[in-house]
Amino acid sequence: MIQQIRLAAGQAHLDRDGSATVRWKGSWSVNFYGGLVPFTVTDPDLEIDEDGTGTLTADLSGYASSQEDPNTRTPLPPVSDVTVATFRDVDLDPAGTITINPDYAGVDIDVPSDRAAQDTTSAGWGSWPQAFVDFHFDTGLSSYWYSSGGAADPLKAPTALTVDFTDAVPTTPQVDVASKTTVSLARKTLTYGTSTTATVQVTASGATPTGKVTVKAHGKTVTGTLANGKAVVALPKNLKPGRYPVVVTFPGAAGIKPSNAQGTLTVTKAKPTVSLSCIARPSRSRSGARPP
């Protein structure tokens, strides 16, 4: 019996050079031995390069099995981005259906010495990808995915993968808009030991920039949060006397490109102040007697 998985509502990006990415959200479980050794495949991604080669990756999870006690199931840590299948000679049809035959015949893998060895002599010998088989060394199902010399070997090769773009709905890629950042200093010249503020304004066509901005002066950095595209940031105190660039950076936001601006701050020396205090001392009379 051949079981099939049907995934819908995938998100695809097709390039003119023939490369493509198709991503699906969802998962399915494979129940071996009546559910005693299940494993789950989640969120598969199909990547096809411009030369027609490609991979199908997904997240895997499942259980370790025990032949001594079939009712024992030990959860395995999930493994991300496992290569489930590899392909070659894929020719995309962005308006039709394509059939992709996964690699199997002649695929050689490394098998631990305590597991069933791979048979590389029989006709049609091969294997699923190494990473996929490695996962199943832990589930106990590894030899179901490569030729091991058993009677079931002819049934182990994967069936074809079909991708249908017939009813695909084209979407317009989002184009990030440019932003413009300006900075205004409350005081462009200040005395050492005092501070000032920088008013940062970020604008973008058809959008209101949000997020953080950074303001850097003489190696010191402060941040501010945009509200309606504006942030007022207090500059660091005790900057040494000198003339410094004040560099403002907006790192960008969803749909908005980054931008920056620059102002100039002059810090002058503080004028020294001197204070004197006098202490009155009692005086003696000429006769030597203390005053009353």
C-alpha atoms as a PDB file:
ATOM      1  CA  MET A   1       0.000   0.000   0.000  1.00  0.00           C
ATOM      2  CA  ILE A   2       1.360   3.409  -0.981  1.00  0.00           C
ATOM      3  CA  GLN A   3       0.487   6.274   1.330  1.00  0.00           C
ATOM      4  CA  GLN A   4       0.624   9.844   0.072  1.00  0.00           C
ATOM      5  CA  ILE A   5       0.888  13.215   1.771  1.00  0.00           C
ATOM      6  CA  ARG A   6      -0.845  16.238   0.258  1.00  0.00           C
ATOM      7  CA  LEU A   7       0.266  19.708   1.324  1.00  0.00           C
ATOM      8  CA  ALA A   8      -1.596  22.875   0.312  1.00  0.00           C
ATOM      9  CA  ALA A   9      -1.237  26.642   0.683  1.00  0.00           C
ATOM     10  CA  GLY A  10       2.531  26.624   0.208  1.00  0.00           C
ATOM     11  CA  GLN A  11       4.454  29.871  -0.184  1.00  0.00           C
ATOM     12  CA  ALA A  12       6.724  29.862  -3.246  1.00  0.00           C
ATOM     13  CA  HIS A  13       9.402  32.197  -4.549  1.00  0.00           C
ATOM     14  CA  LEU A  14      10.474  31.548  -8.131  1.00  0.00           C
ATOM     15  CA  ASP A  15      13.468  33.273  -9.714  1.00  0.00           C
ATOM     16  CA  ARG A  16      14.103  33.822 -13.395  1.00  0.00           C
ATOM     17  CA  ASP A  17      17.302  31.754 -13.243  1.00  0.00           C
ATOM     18  CA  GLY A  18      15.228  28.637 -12.495  1.00  0.00           C
ATOM     19  CA  SER A  19      15.849  28.516  -8.758  1.00  0.00           C
ATOM     20  CA  ALA A  20      12.937  28.306  -6.362  1.00  0.00           C
ATOM     21  CA  THR A  21      11.904  28.011  -2.730  1.00  0.00           C
ATOM     22  CA  VAL A  22       8.612  26.495  -1.631  1.00  0.00           C
ATOM     23  CA  ARG A  23       7.650  26.367   2.041  1.00  0.00           C
ATOM     24  CA  TRP A  24       4.701  24.635   3.673  1.00  0.00           C
ATOM     25  CA  LYS A  25       3.340  24.919   7.193  1.00  0.00           C
ATOM     26  CA  GLY A  26       2.038  21.730   8.746  1.00  0.00           C
ATOM     27  CA  SER A  27       3.015  18.276   9.875  1.00  0.00           C
ATOM     28  CA  TRP A  28       2.158  14.618   9.435  1.00  0.00           C
ATOM     29  CA  SER A  29       2.979  11.443  11.337  1.00  0.00           C
ATOM     30  CA  VAL A  30       4.143   8.063  10.081  1.00  0.00           C
ATOM     31  CA  ASN A  31       3.020   5.184  12.310  1.00  0.00           C
ATOM     32  CA  PHE A  32       5.211   2.110  12.064  1.00  0.00           C
ATOM     33  CA  TYR A  33       4.123  -1.145  13.683  1.00  0.00           C
ATOM     34  CA  GLY A  34       0.593   0.019  14.296  1.00  0.00           C
ATOM     35  CA  GLY A  35       1.704   3.215  16.008  1.00  0.00           C
ATOM     36  CA  LEU A  36       4.337   1.647  18.258  1.00  0.00           C
ATOM     37  CA  VAL A  37       7.146   3.608  16.540  1.00  0.00           C
ATOM     38  CA  PRO A  38       5.702   6.869  15.188  1.00  0.00           C
ATOM     39  CA  PHE A  39       7.659   9.827  13.914  1.00  0.00           C
ATOM     40  CA  THR A  40       6.513  13.243  12.710  1.00  0.00           C
ATOM     41  CA  VAL A  41       7.599  15.473   9.833  1.00  0.00           C
ATOM     42  CA  THR A  42       6.995  19.211  10.291  1.00  0.00           C
ATOM     43  CA  ASP A  43       7.187  22.324   8.058  1.00  0.00           C
ATOM     44  CA  PRO A  44       8.879  20.956   4.923  1.00  0.00           C
ATOM     45  CA  ASP A  45      10.915  23.306   2.712  1.00  0.00           C
ATOM     46  CA  LEU A  46      11.753  22.636  -0.926  1.00  0.00           C
ATOM     47  CA  GLU A  47      14.874  24.352  -2.288  1.00  0.00           C
ATOM     48  CA  ILE A  48      15.805  24.121  -5.969  1.00  0.00           C
ATOM     49  CA  ASP A  49      19.007  25.662  -7.352  1.00  0.00           C
ATOM     50  CA  GLU A  50      19.400  27.161 -10.804  1.00  0.00           C
ATOM     51  CA  ASP A  51      21.258  24.029 -11.974  1.00  0.00           C
ATOM     52  CA  GLY A  52      18.208  21.834 -11.221  1.00  0.00           C
ATOM     53  CA  THR A  53      19.525  20.245  -8.036  1.00  0.00           C
ATOM     54  CA  GLY A  54      17.544  20.549  -4.840  1.00  0.00           C
ATOM     55  CA  THR A  55      16.660  19.346  -1.367  1.00  0.00           C
ATOM     56  CA  LEU A  56      13.559  18.778   0.733  1.00  0.00           C
ATOM     57  CA  THR A  57      14.184  19.537   4.411  1.00  0.00           C
ATOM     58  CA  ALA A  58      11.910  19.342   7.453  1.00  0.00           C
ATOM     59  CA  ASP A  59      11.920  19.130  11.244  1.00  0.00           C
ATOM     60  CA  LEU A  60      11.711  15.589  12.638  1.00  0.00           C
ATOM     61  CA  SER A  61      10.505  14.273  15.974  1.00  0.00           C
ATOM     62  CA  GLY A  62       9.640  10.826  17.247  1.00  0.00           C
ATOM     63  CA  TYR A  63      10.397   8.050  19.713  1.00  0.00           C
ATOM     64  CA  ALA A  64      13.118   5.521  20.340  1.00  0.00           C
ATOM     65  CA  SER A  65      11.890   1.938  20.181  1.00  0.00           C
ATOM     66  CA  SER A  66      12.838  -1.276  21.919  1.00  0.00           C
ATOM     67  CA  GLN A  67      12.601  -4.739  20.359  1.00  0.00           C
ATOM     68  CA  GLU A  68      12.734  -6.252  23.841  1.00  0.00           C
ATOM     69  CA  ASP A  69       9.675  -4.254  24.943  1.00  0.00           C
ATOM     70  CA  PRO A  70       7.614  -2.960  21.971  1.00  0.00           C
ATOM     71  CA  ASN A  71       5.404  -0.940  24.314  1.00  0.00           C
ATOM     72  CA  THR A  72       8.356   1.194  25.438  1.00  0.00           C
ATOM     73  CA  ARG A  73       8.552   4.563  23.705  1.00  0.00           C
ATOM     74  CA  THR A  74      11.180   7.124  24.674  1.00  0.00           C
ATOM     75  CA  PRO A  75      10.695  10.632  23.220  1.00  0.00           C
ATOM     76  CA  LEU A  76      13.613  11.825  21.103  1.00  0.00           C
ATOM     77  CA  PRO A  77      14.770  15.468  20.967  1.00  0.00           C
ATOM     78  CA  PRO A  78      13.369  17.145  17.839  1.00  0.00           C
ATOM     79  CA  VAL A  79      15.885  17.695  15.037  1.00  0.00           C
ATOM     80  CA  SER A  80      15.577  20.769  12.802  1.00  0.00           C
ATOM     81  CA  ASP A  81      16.256  21.110   9.070  1.00  0.00           C
ATOM     82  CA  VAL A  82      16.871  17.448   8.333  1.00  0.00           C
ATOM     83  CA  THR A  83      17.423  16.608   4.656  1.00  0.00           C
ATOM     84  CA  VAL A  84      14.562  14.268   3.786  1.00  0.00           C
ATOM     85  CA  ALA A  85      15.231  14.020   0.050  1.00  0.00           C
ATOM     86  CA  THR A  86      17.610  15.280  -2.625  1.00  0.00           C
ATOM     87  CA  PHE A  87      16.904  15.825  -6.334  1.00  0.00           C
ATOM     88  CA  ARG A  88      18.559  16.592  -9.635  1.00  0.00           C
ATOM     89  CA  ASP A  89      17.517  17.600 -13.153  1.00  0.00           C
ATOM     90  CA  VAL A  90      14.481  19.532 -11.907  1.00  0.00           C
ATOM     91  CA  ASP A  91      12.903  21.774 -14.562  1.00  0.00           C
ATOM     92  CA  LEU A  92      10.429  24.202 -13.031  1.00  0.00           C
ATOM     93  CA  ASP A  93       7.153  25.102 -14.702  1.00  0.00           C
ATOM     94  CA  PRO A  94       5.829  28.165 -12.836  1.00  0.00           C
ATOM     95  CA  ALA A  95       2.373  27.732 -14.361  1.00  0.00           C
ATOM     96  CA  GLY A  96       2.024  23.964 -14.340  1.00  0.00           C
ATOM     97  CA  THR A  97       2.862  20.752 -12.532  1.00  0.00           C
ATOM     98  CA  ILE A  98       6.314  19.276 -12.085  1.00  0.00           C
ATOM     99  CA  THR A  99       7.256  15.762 -10.973  1.00  0.00           C
ATOM    100  CA  ILE A 100      10.455  15.349  -8.986  1.00  0.00           C
ATOM    101  CA  ASN A 101      12.112  11.954  -8.489  1.00  0.00           C
ATOM    102  CA  PRO A 102      14.168  11.851  -5.271  1.00  0.00           C
ATOM    103  CA  ASP A 103      17.667  10.372  -5.331  1.00  0.00           C
ATOM    104  CA  TYR A 104      17.980   6.820  -4.004  1.00  0.00           C
ATOM    105  CA  ALA A 105      19.733   4.408  -6.360  1.00  0.00           C
ATOM    106  CA  GLY A 106      23.471   4.427  -5.789  1.00  0.00           C
ATOM    107  CA  VAL A 107      23.330   6.645  -2.703  1.00  0.00           C
ATOM    108  CA  ASP A 108      25.950   5.357  -0.264  1.00  0.00           C
ATOM    109  CA  ILE A 109      25.706   6.067   3.472  1.00  0.00           C
ATOM    110  CA  ASP A 110      27.687   5.385   6.647  1.00  0.00           C
ATOM    111  CA  VAL A 111      26.118   2.757   8.903  1.00  0.00           C
ATOM    112  CA  PRO A 112      27.298   2.018  12.467  1.00  0.00           C
ATOM    113  CA  SER A 113      28.842  -1.406  12.955  1.00  0.00           C
ATOM    114  CA  ASP A 114      26.045  -2.486  15.315  1.00  0.00           C
ATOM    115  CA  ARG A 115      23.315  -1.875  12.701  1.00  0.00           C
ATOM    116  CA  ALA A 116      22.293  -3.764   9.592  1.00  0.00           C
ATOM    117  CA  ALA A 117      24.918  -3.087   6.934  1.00  0.00           C
ATOM    118  CA  GLN A 118      23.974  -1.406   3.671  1.00  0.00           C
ATOM    119  CA  ASP A 119      23.789  -3.778   0.716  1.00  0.00           C
ATOM    120  CA  THR A 120      25.595  -2.111  -2.186  1.00  0.00           C
ATOM    121  CA  THR A 121      25.679  -5.100  -4.542  1.00  0.00           C
ATOM    122  CA  SER A 122      22.050  -5.857  -5.372  1.00  0.00           C
ATOM    123  CA  ALA A 123      20.293  -4.183  -8.279  1.00  0.00           C
ATOM    124  CA  GLY A 124      18.728  -0.845  -7.310  1.00  0.00           C
ATOM    125  CA  TRP A 125      20.643  -0.560  -4.039  1.00  0.00           C
ATOM    126  CA  GLY A 126      20.643   2.856  -2.426  1.00  0.00           C
ATOM    127  CA  SER A 127      19.444   4.989   0.444  1.00  0.00           C
ATOM    128  CA  TRP A 128      17.526   8.008   1.592  1.00  0.00           C
ATOM    129  CA  PRO A 129      19.779  10.944   2.667  1.00  0.00           C
ATOM    130  CA  GLN A 130      22.316  10.310   5.421  1.00  0.00           C
ATOM    131  CA  ALA A 131      20.772  12.843   7.841  1.00  0.00           C
ATOM    132  CA  PHE A 132      17.347  11.243   7.519  1.00  0.00           C
ATOM    133  CA  VAL A 133      18.767   7.753   8.147  1.00  0.00           C
ATOM    134  CA  ASP A 134      20.822   9.076  11.083  1.00  0.00           C
ATOM    135  CA  PHE A 135      17.603  10.192  12.766  1.00  0.00           C
ATOM    136  CA  HIS A 136      16.192   6.702  12.357  1.00  0.00           C
ATOM    137  CA  PHE A 137      19.229   5.057  13.892  1.00  0.00           C
ATOM    138  CA  ASP A 138      17.688   6.442  17.099  1.00  0.00           C
ATOM    139  CA  THR A 139      14.111   5.393  16.305  1.00  0.00           C
ATOM    140  CA  GLY A 140      15.220   1.876  15.401  1.00  0.00           C
ATOM    141  CA  LEU A 141      13.762   2.155  11.895  1.00  0.00           C
ATOM    142  CA  SER A 142      16.992   2.923  10.057  1.00  0.00           C
ATOM    143  CA  SER A 143      17.164  -0.107   7.742  1.00  0.00           C
ATOM    144  CA  TYR A 144      13.711   0.711   6.386  1.00  0.00           C
ATOM    145  CA  TRP A 145      15.330   3.634   4.554  1.00  0.00           C
ATOM    146  CA  TYR A 146      18.296   1.950   2.830  1.00  0.00           C
ATOM    147  CA  SER A 147      19.003  -1.308   1.070  1.00  0.00           C
ATOM    148  CA  SER A 148      19.999  -3.964   3.604  1.00  0.00           C
ATOM    149  CA  GLY A 149      19.717  -7.133   1.562  1.00  0.00           C
ATOM    150  CA  GLY A 150      16.200  -8.009   2.693  1.00  0.00           C
ATOM    151  CA  ALA A 151      13.154  -8.971   0.702  1.00  0.00           C
ATOM    152  CA  ALA A 152      11.629  -5.510   1.249  1.00  0.00           C
ATOM    153  CA  ASP A 153      14.520  -3.639  -0.418  1.00  0.00           C
ATOM    154  CA  PRO A 154      12.604  -3.007  -3.685  1.00  0.00           C
ATOM    155  CA  LEU A 155       9.955  -1.123  -1.653  1.00  0.00           C
ATOM    156  CA  LYS A 156      12.309   1.288   0.111  1.00  0.00           C
ATOM    157  CA  ALA A 157      12.923   3.824  -2.644  1.00  0.00           C
ATOM    158  CA  PRO A 158      10.860   7.041  -2.296  1.00  0.00           C
ATOM    159  CA  THR A 159       8.053   7.772  -4.729  1.00  0.00           C
ATOM    160  CA  ALA A 160       7.958  10.913  -6.858  1.00  0.00           C
ATOM    161  CA  LEU A 161       7.164  14.330  -5.435  1.00  0.00           C
ATOM    162  CA  THR A 162       4.656  16.426  -7.381  1.00  0.00           C
ATOM    163  CA  VAL A 163       4.486  20.213  -7.077  1.00  0.00           C
ATOM    164  CA  ASP A 164       1.479  21.899  -8.670  1.00  0.00           C
ATOM    165  CA  PHE A 165       1.628  25.624  -9.489  1.00  0.00           C
ATOM    166  CA  THR A 166      -1.522  25.545 -11.632  1.00  0.00           C
ATOM    167  CA  ASP A 167      -3.732  27.452  -9.195  1.00  0.00           C
ATOM    168  CA  ALA A 168      -0.948  29.535  -7.671  1.00  0.00           C
ATOM    169  CA  VAL A 169      -1.866  33.162  -6.997  1.00  0.00           C
ATOM    170  CA  PRO A 170       0.942  35.581  -7.911  1.00  0.00           C
ATOM    171  CA  THR A 171       1.849  38.125  -5.264  1.00  0.00           C
ATOM    172  CA  THR A 172       3.677  41.412  -5.592  1.00  0.00           C
ATOM    173  CA  PRO A 173       6.927  41.383  -3.640  1.00  0.00           C
ATOM    174  CA  GLN A 174       7.128  44.002  -0.931  1.00  0.00           C
ATOM    175  CA  VAL A 175       9.542  46.774  -1.833  1.00  0.00           C
ATOM    176  CA  ASP A 176      11.123  48.533   1.119  1.00  0.00           C
ATOM    177  CA  VAL A 177      10.716  52.312   0.989  1.00  0.00           C
ATOM    178  CA  ALA A 178      13.563  54.700   1.667  1.00  0.00           C
ATOM    179  CA  SER A 179      13.723  56.581   4.940  1.00  0.00           C
ATOM    180  CA  LYS A 180      15.183  59.977   5.782  1.00  0.00           C
ATOM    181  CA  THR A 181      16.710  60.788   9.149  1.00  0.00           C
ATOM    182  CA  THR A 182      17.395  64.298  10.433  1.00  0.00           C
ATOM    183  CA  VAL A 183      18.887  65.450  13.718  1.00  0.00           C
ATOM    184  CA  SER A 184      18.629  68.785  15.509  1.00  0.00           C
ATOM    185  CA  LEU A 185      20.623  69.679  18.625  1.00  0.00           C
ATOM    186  CA  ALA A 186      19.006  71.849  21.281  1.00  0.00           C
ATOM    187  CA  ARG A 187      22.420  73.446  21.783  1.00  0.00           C
ATOM    188  CA  LYS A 188      25.222  73.043  19.292  1.00  0.00           C
ATOM    189  CA  THR A 189      27.774  74.528  21.691  1.00  0.00           C
ATOM    190  CA  LEU A 190      27.904  73.710  25.360  1.00  0.00           C
ATOM    191  CA  THR A 191      30.258  73.962  28.309  1.00  0.00           C
ATOM    192  CA  TYR A 192      32.056  70.960  29.735  1.00  0.00           C
ATOM    193  CA  GLY A 193      29.967  69.345  32.462  1.00  0.00           C
ATOM    194  CA  THR A 194      26.641  70.244  30.857  1.00  0.00           C
ATOM    195  CA  SER A 195      24.515  68.337  28.353  1.00  0.00           C
ATOM    196  CA  THR A 196      22.020  68.857  25.567  1.00  0.00           C
ATOM    197  CA  THR A 197      19.391  66.888  23.685  1.00  0.00           C
ATOM    198  CA  ALA A 198      19.170  65.653  20.123  1.00  0.00           C
ATOM    199  CA  THR A 199      15.799  65.599  18.393  1.00  0.00           C
ATOM    200  CA  VAL A 200      15.716  62.813  15.797  1.00  0.00           C
ATOM    201  CA  GLN A 201      13.077  62.754  13.079  1.00  0.00           C
ATOM    202  CA  VAL A 202      12.689  59.757  10.725  1.00  0.00           C
ATOM    203  CA  THR A 203      10.287  59.911   7.784  1.00  0.00           C
ATOM    204  CA  ALA A 204       9.335  57.465   5.036  1.00  0.00           C
ATOM    205  CA  SER A 205       6.887  57.660   2.152  1.00  0.00           C
ATOM    206  CA  GLY A 206       3.558  56.103   3.092  1.00  0.00           C
ATOM    207  CA  ALA A 207       4.800  54.737   6.431  1.00  0.00           C
ATOM    208  CA  THR A 208       5.586  55.865   9.953  1.00  0.00           C
ATOM    209  CA  PRO A 209       8.979  54.555  11.091  1.00  0.00           C
ATOM    210  CA  THR A 210       9.081  52.832  14.470  1.00  0.00           C
ATOM    211  CA  GLY A 211      11.745  51.235  16.621  1.00  0.00           C
ATOM    212  CA  LYS A 212      15.025  52.421  18.072  1.00  0.00           C
ATOM    213  CA  VAL A 213      17.532  55.026  16.964  1.00  0.00           C
ATOM    214  CA  THR A 214      21.102  55.334  18.202  1.00  0.00           C
ATOM    215  CA  VAL A 215      23.011  58.555  18.766  1.00  0.00           C
ATOM    216  CA  LYS A 216      26.794  58.410  18.995  1.00  0.00           C
ATOM    217  CA  ALA A 217      29.146  61.199  20.058  1.00  0.00           C
ATOM    218  CA  HIS A 218      32.855  60.829  20.830  1.00  0.00           C
ATOM    219  CA  GLY A 219      32.618  57.063  21.292  1.00  0.00           C
ATOM    220  CA  LYS A 220      29.602  57.213  23.597  1.00  0.00           C
ATOM    221  CA  THR A 221      26.248  55.845  22.436  1.00  0.00           C
ATOM    222  CA  VAL A 222      22.729  56.483  23.678  1.00  0.00           C
ATOM    223  CA  THR A 223      19.438  55.178  22.275  1.00  0.00           C
ATOM    224  CA  GLY A 224      15.953  56.496  21.869  1.00  0.00           C
ATOM    225  CA  THR A 225      12.580  55.084  20.856  1.00  0.00           C
ATOM    226  CA  LEU A 226      10.642  56.602  17.978  1.00  0.00           C
ATOM    227  CA  ALA A 227       7.114  57.794  18.653  1.00  0.00           C
ATOM    228  CA  ASN A 228       5.334  58.943  15.513  1.00  0.00           C
ATOM    229  CA  GLY A 229       8.724  58.962  13.852  1.00  0.00           C
ATOM    230  CA  LYS A 230      10.344  61.224  16.444  1.00  0.00           C
ATOM    231  CA  ALA A 231      12.670  60.725  19.421  1.00  0.00           C
ATOM    232  CA  VAL A 232      14.333  63.151  21.819  1.00  0.00           C
ATOM    233  CA  VAL A 233      17.579  61.782  23.205  1.00  0.00           C
ATOM    234  CA  ALA A 234      19.770  63.256  25.951  1.00  0.00           C
ATOM    235  CA  LEU A 235      23.420  63.262  24.933  1.00  0.00           C
ATOM    236  CA  PRO A 236      26.081  61.964  27.325  1.00  0.00           C
ATOM    237  CA  LYS A 237      27.423  64.394  29.929  1.00  0.00           C
ATOM    238  CA  ASN A 238      31.049  65.222  30.597  1.00  0.00           C
ATOM    239  CA  LEU A 239      32.234  65.007  27.009  1.00  0.00           C
ATOM    240  CA  LYS A 240      35.774  66.340  26.810  1.00  0.00           C
ATOM    241  CA  PRO A 241      36.198  69.761  25.253  1.00  0.00           C
ATOM    242  CA  GLY A 242      36.391  69.534  21.482  1.00  0.00           C
ATOM    243  CA  ARG A 243      34.348  69.443  18.309  1.00  0.00           C
ATOM    244  CA  TYR A 244      32.565  66.135  17.641  1.00  0.00           C
ATOM    245  CA  PRO A 245      30.297  64.651  14.999  1.00  0.00           C
ATOM    246  CA  VAL A 246      26.964  63.450  16.343  1.00  0.00           C
ATOM    247  CA  VAL A 247      25.994  60.400  14.272  1.00  0.00           C
ATOM    248  CA  VAL A 248      22.376  59.212  14.307  1.00  0.00           C
ATOM    249  CA  THR A 249      21.419  55.790  12.931  1.00  0.00           C
ATOM    250  CA  PHE A 250      17.982  54.404  12.156  1.00  0.00           C
ATOM    251  CA  PRO A 251      18.488  50.643  11.529  1.00  0.00           C
ATOM    252  CA  GLY A 252      15.320  50.262   9.486  1.00  0.00           C
ATOM    253  CA  ALA A 253      11.984  48.569  10.183  1.00  0.00           C
ATOM    254  CA  ALA A 254       9.522  46.306   8.422  1.00  0.00           C
ATOM    255  CA  GLY A 255       9.210  47.654   4.883  1.00  0.00           C
ATOM    256  CA  ILE A 256      11.471  50.641   5.613  1.00  0.00           C
ATOM    257  CA  LYS A 257      15.133  50.950   4.715  1.00  0.00           C
ATOM    258  CA  PRO A 258      17.742  52.228   7.202  1.00  0.00           C
ATOM    259  CA  SER A 259      19.145  55.745   7.124  1.00  0.00           C
ATOM    260  CA  ASN A 260      21.404  58.028   9.151  1.00  0.00           C
ATOM    261  CA  ALA A 261      22.181  61.657   9.793  1.00  0.00           C
ATOM    262  CA  GLN A 262      24.960  63.710  11.318  1.00  0.00           C
ATOM    263  CA  GLY A 263      25.289  66.912  13.294  1.00  0.00           C
ATOM    264  CA  THR A 264      28.171  68.684  15.016  1.00  0.00           C
ATOM    265  CA  LEU A 265      28.589  69.377  18.730  1.00  0.00           C
ATOM    266  CA  THR A 266      31.175  71.710  20.216  1.00  0.00           C
ATOM    267  CA  VAL A 267      32.169  71.362  23.872  1.00  0.00           C
ATOM    268  CA  THR A 268      34.111  74.281  25.395  1.00  0.00           C
ATOM    269  CA  LYS A 269      36.216  74.362  28.532  1.00  0.00           C
ATOM    270  CA  ALA A 270      34.496  75.408  31.701  1.00  0.00           C
ATOM    271  CA  LYS A 271      35.723  78.710  33.183  1.00  0.00           C
ATOM    272  CA  PRO A 272      37.545  78.123  36.445  1.00  0.00           C
ATOM    273  CA  THR A 273      36.068  79.715  39.557  1.00  0.00           C
ATOM    274  CA  VAL A 274      37.968  80.571  42.712  1.00  0.00           C
ATOM    275  CA  SER A 275      36.393  81.083  46.102  1.00  0.00           C
ATOM    276  CA  LEU A 276      38.146  82.380  49.233  1.00  0.00           C
ATOM    277  CA  SER A 277      37.083  82.115  52.825  1.00  0.00           C
ATOM    278  CA  CYS A 278      38.611  83.959  55.783  1.00  0.00           C
ATOM    279  CA  ILE A 279      38.681  82.852  59.375  1.00  0.00           C
ATOM    280  CA  ALA A 280      38.951  85.615  61.988  1.00  0.00           C
ATOM    281  CA  ARG A 281      41.471  84.911  64.746  1.00  0.00           C
ATOM    282  CA  PRO A 282      41.317  86.620  68.153  1.00  0.00           C
ATOM    283  CA  SER A 283      43.998  89.276  68.716  1.00  0.00           C
ATOM    284  CA  ARG A 284      45.997  90.064  71.877  1.00  0.00           C
ATOM    285  CA  SER A 285      46.245  93.460  73.532  1.00  0.00           C
ATOM    286  CA  ARG A 286      49.644  95.157  73.828  1.00  0.00           C
ATOM    287  CA  SER A 287      49.813  94.349  77.459  1.00  0.00           C
ATOM    288  CA  GLY A 288      49.482  90.696  76.683  1.00  0.00           C
ATOM    289  CA  ALA A 289      46.069  90.420  78.212  1.00  0.00           C
ATOM    290  CA  ARG A 290      43.327  88.841  76.198  1.00  0.00           C
ATOM    291  CA  PRO A 291      40.433  91.071  75.322  1.00  0.00           C
ATOM    292  CA  PRO A 292      37.379  90.660  77.502  1.00  0.00           C
END
